[in-house]
Amino acid sequence: MLFGGHWFIVRPEDYSLSVTDDDSICSLCIDDNAYIYDEFVLGDAFMRGWYSIHDNDSTPPRMGFAPISGGTREKL
């Protein structure tokens, strides 16, 4: 995923979620409304591995990401 000029890796484990304890049933965390909007939402599928940092005092406001300590997320 390209965000703010930086590539972020989104792995299958980022957009899939086990629903049962034995992993026999899983759910995909993908929204199918892309055909309606020209925008998308950075939801749980991406945000599970990142802290989001909001700087509303700057002009224009900024947003950044930092990987959760000990996590497997990385920025290219």
C-alpha atoms as a PDB file:
ATOM      1  CA  MET A   1       0.000   0.000   0.000  1.00  0.00           C
ATOM      2  CA  LEU A   2       1.360   3.436  -0.913  1.00  0.00           C
ATOM      3  CA  PHE A   3       0.638   6.132   1.662  1.00  0.00           C
ATOM      4  CA  GLY A   4       2.312   9.529   1.778  1.00  0.00           C
ATOM      5  CA  GLY A   5       5.025   8.432  -0.639  1.00  0.00           C
ATOM      6  CA  HIS A   6       5.943   5.366   1.433  1.00  0.00           C
ATOM      7  CA  TRP A   7       5.132   1.726   0.681  1.00  0.00           C
ATOM      8  CA  PHE A   8       3.667  -0.364   3.500  1.00  0.00           C
ATOM      9  CA  ILE A   9       3.418  -4.140   3.370  1.00  0.00           C
ATOM     10  CA  VAL A  10      -0.096  -5.536   3.924  1.00  0.00           C
ATOM     11  CA  ARG A  11       0.074  -9.293   4.429  1.00  0.00           C
ATOM     12  CA  PRO A  12      -2.774 -11.833   4.272  1.00  0.00           C
ATOM     13  CA  GLU A  13      -2.691 -12.109   8.071  1.00  0.00           C
ATOM     14  CA  ASP A  14      -3.416  -8.362   8.176  1.00  0.00           C
ATOM     15  CA  TYR A  15      -6.724  -8.700   6.334  1.00  0.00           C
ATOM     16  CA  SER A  16      -7.867 -12.082   7.605  1.00  0.00           C
ATOM     17  CA  LEU A  17      -9.126 -12.895  11.077  1.00  0.00           C
ATOM     18  CA  SER A  18      -9.637 -16.248  12.757  1.00  0.00           C
ATOM     19  CA  VAL A  19     -13.185 -16.550  14.074  1.00  0.00           C
ATOM     20  CA  THR A  20     -12.760 -19.845  15.960  1.00  0.00           C
ATOM     21  CA  ASP A  21     -10.174 -20.997  18.493  1.00  0.00           C
ATOM     22  CA  ASP A  22      -8.976 -23.816  16.227  1.00  0.00           C
ATOM     23  CA  ASP A  23      -8.629 -21.552  13.141  1.00  0.00           C
ATOM     24  CA  SER A  24     -11.158 -23.669  11.233  1.00  0.00           C
ATOM     25  CA  ILE A  25     -13.206 -20.591  10.294  1.00  0.00           C
ATOM     26  CA  CYS A  26     -11.782 -17.253   9.225  1.00  0.00           C
ATOM     27  CA  SER A  27     -13.153 -13.973   7.954  1.00  0.00           C
ATOM     28  CA  LEU A  28     -11.763 -11.551   5.388  1.00  0.00           C
ATOM     29  CA  CYS A  29     -11.581  -7.914   6.517  1.00  0.00           C
ATOM     30  CA  ILE A  30     -12.096  -6.395   3.081  1.00  0.00           C
ATOM     31  CA  ASP A  31     -14.692  -3.776   2.212  1.00  0.00           C
ATOM     32  CA  ASP A  32     -16.447  -4.111  -1.151  1.00  0.00           C
ATOM     33  CA  ASN A  33     -17.658  -0.476  -1.369  1.00  0.00           C
ATOM     34  CA  ALA A  34     -14.683   0.759  -3.426  1.00  0.00           C
ATOM     35  CA  TYR A  35     -16.913   1.139  -6.496  1.00  0.00           C
ATOM     36  CA  ILE A  36     -19.007   3.781  -4.688  1.00  0.00           C
ATOM     37  CA  TYR A  37     -16.244   6.025  -3.318  1.00  0.00           C
ATOM     38  CA  ASP A  38     -12.982   7.432  -4.662  1.00  0.00           C
ATOM     39  CA  GLU A  39     -11.527   7.020  -1.171  1.00  0.00           C
ATOM     40  CA  PHE A  40     -10.780   4.130   1.115  1.00  0.00           C
ATOM     41  CA  VAL A  41     -10.622   3.636   4.872  1.00  0.00           C
ATOM     42  CA  LEU A  42      -7.473   2.499   6.635  1.00  0.00           C
ATOM     43  CA  GLY A  43      -9.280   0.097   8.898  1.00  0.00           C
ATOM     44  CA  ASP A  44      -8.418  -2.757  11.195  1.00  0.00           C
ATOM     45  CA  ALA A  45      -6.782  -4.753   8.424  1.00  0.00           C
ATOM     46  CA  PHE A  46      -3.986  -2.196   8.200  1.00  0.00           C
ATOM     47  CA  MET A  47      -4.052  -0.537  11.605  1.00  0.00           C
ATOM     48  CA  ARG A  48      -3.619  -3.697  13.719  1.00  0.00           C
ATOM     49  CA  GLY A  49       0.159  -3.461  13.385  1.00  0.00           C
ATOM     50  CA  TRP A  50       0.695   0.292  13.572  1.00  0.00           C
ATOM     51  CA  TYR A  51       0.357   3.189  15.957  1.00  0.00           C
ATOM     52  CA  SER A  52      -1.226   6.173  14.255  1.00  0.00           C
ATOM     53  CA  ILE A  53       0.167   9.590  15.101  1.00  0.00           C
ATOM     54  CA  HIS A  54      -1.965  12.683  14.480  1.00  0.00           C
ATOM     55  CA  ASP A  55      -0.539  16.205  14.389  1.00  0.00           C
ATOM     56  CA  ASN A  56      -3.540  18.507  14.230  1.00  0.00           C
ATOM     57  CA  ASP A  57      -1.519  21.561  15.294  1.00  0.00           C
ATOM     58  CA  SER A  58       0.452  21.756  12.039  1.00  0.00           C
ATOM     59  CA  THR A  59      -0.838  23.370   8.867  1.00  0.00           C
ATOM     60  CA  PRO A  60      -1.974  21.290   7.104  1.00  0.00           C
ATOM     61  CA  PRO A  61      -2.672  18.616   9.732  1.00  0.00           C
ATOM     62  CA  ARG A  62      -0.442  15.542   9.392  1.00  0.00           C
ATOM     63  CA  MET A  63      -0.735  11.858  10.141  1.00  0.00           C
ATOM     64  CA  GLY A  64       2.037   9.309  10.530  1.00  0.00           C
ATOM     65  CA  PHE A  65       2.537   5.657  11.417  1.00  0.00           C
ATOM     66  CA  ALA A  66       4.967   3.787  13.653  1.00  0.00           C
ATOM     67  CA  PRO A  67       5.132  -0.022  13.894  1.00  0.00           C
ATOM     68  CA  ILE A  68       3.955  -1.536  17.153  1.00  0.00           C
ATOM     69  CA  SER A  69       6.990  -2.556  19.194  1.00  0.00           C
ATOM     70  CA  GLY A  70       7.735  -6.243  18.723  1.00  0.00           C
ATOM     71  CA  GLY A  71       5.307  -6.463  15.791  1.00  0.00           C
ATOM     72  CA  THR A  72       5.977  -7.830  12.330  1.00  0.00           C
ATOM     73  CA  ARG A  73       4.910  -4.770  10.341  1.00  0.00           C
ATOM     74  CA  GLU A  74       7.444  -2.965   8.247  1.00  0.00           C
ATOM     75  CA  LYS A  75       7.683  -0.003   5.926  1.00  0.00           C
ATOM     76  CA  LEU A  76       9.567  -0.284   2.626  1.00  0.00           C
END
